[in-house]
Amino acid sequence: MRNYVVILLQFIIWSGYTLIEWISKHDQLIYKVIMFFIFFYLAFILGNQVTKSNRKTLFITVLSLVIYTSIHYTMAQFLH
């Protein structure tokens, strides 16, 4: 059950990242990359607080990122 809570919380973080990226669409690529790593670190720290395992947290964080990105780009294809 903790894994599902972490995935849902990380979806909220990834949604926040998407919103911030959309707001700063004119920024340089390096700033977007730095911002991504900050959000990734935030998602990892939040997940680690819940699961108490670095290995499991890394797996869940990457998994939630892949799922969110897949859903995001799939929906973007349908809307355009």
C-alpha atoms as a PDB file:
ATOM      1  CA  MET A   1       0.000   0.000   0.000  1.00  0.00           C
ATOM      2  CA  ARG A   2       2.884   2.370   0.713  1.00  0.00           C
ATOM      3  CA  ASN A   3       4.129   1.925  -2.840  1.00  0.00           C
ATOM      4  CA  TYR A   4       0.823   3.149  -4.264  1.00  0.00           C
ATOM      5  CA  VAL A   5       0.850   6.170  -1.969  1.00  0.00           C
ATOM      6  CA  VAL A   6       4.375   7.016  -3.114  1.00  0.00           C
ATOM      7  CA  ILE A   7       3.410   6.678  -6.785  1.00  0.00           C
ATOM      8  CA  LEU A   8       0.391   8.946  -6.304  1.00  0.00           C
ATOM      9  CA  LEU A   9       2.438  11.564  -4.448  1.00  0.00           C
ATOM     10  CA  GLN A  10       5.102  11.427  -7.137  1.00  0.00           C
ATOM     11  CA  PHE A  11       2.449  11.894  -9.825  1.00  0.00           C
ATOM     12  CA  ILE A  12       1.564  15.124  -8.041  1.00  0.00           C
ATOM     13  CA  ILE A  13       5.241  16.138  -8.115  1.00  0.00           C
ATOM     14  CA  TRP A  14       5.552  15.281 -11.829  1.00  0.00           C
ATOM     15  CA  SER A  15       2.394  17.286 -12.528  1.00  0.00           C
ATOM     16  CA  GLY A  16       3.955  20.230 -10.721  1.00  0.00           C
ATOM     17  CA  TYR A  17       7.076  19.828 -12.816  1.00  0.00           C
ATOM     18  CA  THR A  18       4.994  19.809 -15.997  1.00  0.00           C
ATOM     19  CA  LEU A  19       3.196  22.966 -14.918  1.00  0.00           C
ATOM     20  CA  ILE A  20       6.438  24.768 -14.058  1.00  0.00           C
ATOM     21  CA  GLU A  21       8.015  23.637 -17.326  1.00  0.00           C
ATOM     22  CA  TRP A  22       5.008  24.937 -19.240  1.00  0.00           C
ATOM     23  CA  ILE A  23       5.223  28.296 -17.443  1.00  0.00           C
ATOM     24  CA  SER A  24       8.954  28.586 -18.195  1.00  0.00           C
ATOM     25  CA  LYS A  25       8.796  27.461 -21.834  1.00  0.00           C
ATOM     26  CA  HIS A  26      11.175  30.222 -22.925  1.00  0.00           C
ATOM     27  CA  ASP A  27      13.964  29.226 -20.533  1.00  0.00           C
ATOM     28  CA  GLN A  28      17.187  27.676 -21.749  1.00  0.00           C
ATOM     29  CA  LEU A  29      17.541  23.900 -21.812  1.00  0.00           C
ATOM     30  CA  ILE A  30      20.155  23.832 -19.039  1.00  0.00           C
ATOM     31  CA  TYR A  31      17.709  25.447 -16.613  1.00  0.00           C
ATOM     32  CA  LYS A  32      15.036  22.914 -17.508  1.00  0.00           C
ATOM     33  CA  VAL A  33      17.485  20.065 -16.900  1.00  0.00           C
ATOM     34  CA  ILE A  34      18.473  21.505 -13.525  1.00  0.00           C
ATOM     35  CA  MET A  35      14.807  21.920 -12.647  1.00  0.00           C
ATOM     36  CA  PHE A  36      14.139  18.282 -13.629  1.00  0.00           C
ATOM     37  CA  PHE A  37      16.873  17.035 -11.323  1.00  0.00           C
ATOM     38  CA  ILE A  38      15.504  19.159  -8.475  1.00  0.00           C
ATOM     39  CA  PHE A  39      12.040  17.664  -8.932  1.00  0.00           C
ATOM     40  CA  PHE A  40      13.525  14.162  -9.279  1.00  0.00           C
ATOM     41  CA  TYR A  41      15.413  14.662  -6.018  1.00  0.00           C
ATOM     42  CA  LEU A  42      12.269  15.958  -4.334  1.00  0.00           C
ATOM     43  CA  ALA A  43      10.291  12.908  -5.541  1.00  0.00           C
ATOM     44  CA  PHE A  44      13.061  10.591  -4.364  1.00  0.00           C
ATOM     45  CA  ILE A  45      13.276  12.170  -0.905  1.00  0.00           C
ATOM     46  CA  LEU A  46       9.503  12.049  -0.486  1.00  0.00           C
ATOM     47  CA  GLY A  47       9.397   8.401  -1.566  1.00  0.00           C
ATOM     48  CA  ASN A  48      12.278   7.510   0.713  1.00  0.00           C
ATOM     49  CA  GLN A  49      10.480   9.012   3.699  1.00  0.00           C
ATOM     50  CA  VAL A  50       7.557   6.662   3.087  1.00  0.00           C
ATOM     51  CA  THR A  51       9.294   3.446   1.988  1.00  0.00           C
ATOM     52  CA  LYS A  52      12.512   3.721   4.060  1.00  0.00           C
ATOM     53  CA  SER A  53      14.447   1.900   1.324  1.00  0.00           C
ATOM     54  CA  ASN A  54      16.750   3.606  -1.182  1.00  0.00           C
ATOM     55  CA  ARG A  55      16.585   0.775  -3.693  1.00  0.00           C
ATOM     56  CA  LYS A  56      12.794   0.486  -3.637  1.00  0.00           C
ATOM     57  CA  THR A  57      12.447   4.270  -3.749  1.00  0.00           C
ATOM     58  CA  LEU A  58      14.674   4.562  -6.812  1.00  0.00           C
ATOM     59  CA  PHE A  59      12.669   1.865  -8.597  1.00  0.00           C
ATOM     60  CA  ILE A  60       9.325   3.467  -7.707  1.00  0.00           C
ATOM     61  CA  THR A  61      10.535   6.943  -8.678  1.00  0.00           C
ATOM     62  CA  VAL A  62      11.751   5.816 -12.098  1.00  0.00           C
ATOM     63  CA  LEU A  63       8.594   3.753 -12.592  1.00  0.00           C
ATOM     64  CA  SER A  64       6.312   6.677 -11.716  1.00  0.00           C
ATOM     65  CA  LEU A  65       8.297   8.942 -14.039  1.00  0.00           C
ATOM     66  CA  VAL A  66       7.993   6.478 -16.935  1.00  0.00           C
ATOM     67  CA  ILE A  67       4.258   5.982 -16.350  1.00  0.00           C
ATOM     68  CA  TYR A  68       3.605   9.710 -16.011  1.00  0.00           C
ATOM     69  CA  THR A  69       5.641  10.530 -19.121  1.00  0.00           C
ATOM     70  CA  SER A  70       3.863   7.841 -21.126  1.00  0.00           C
ATOM     71  CA  ILE A  71       0.447   9.109 -20.091  1.00  0.00           C
ATOM     72  CA  HIS A  72       1.475  12.733 -20.643  1.00  0.00           C
ATOM     73  CA  TYR A  73       2.731  12.199 -24.195  1.00  0.00           C
ATOM     74  CA  THR A  74      -0.125   9.867 -25.108  1.00  0.00           C
ATOM     75  CA  MET A  75      -2.680  12.447 -24.027  1.00  0.00           C
ATOM     76  CA  ALA A  76      -0.741  15.188 -25.814  1.00  0.00           C
ATOM     77  CA  GLN A  77      -0.994  13.208 -29.063  1.00  0.00           C
ATOM     78  CA  PHE A  78      -4.765  12.925 -28.691  1.00  0.00           C
ATOM     79  CA  LEU A  79      -5.237  16.606 -27.900  1.00  0.00           C
ATOM     80  CA  HIS A  80      -3.224  17.887 -30.843  1.00  0.00           C
END
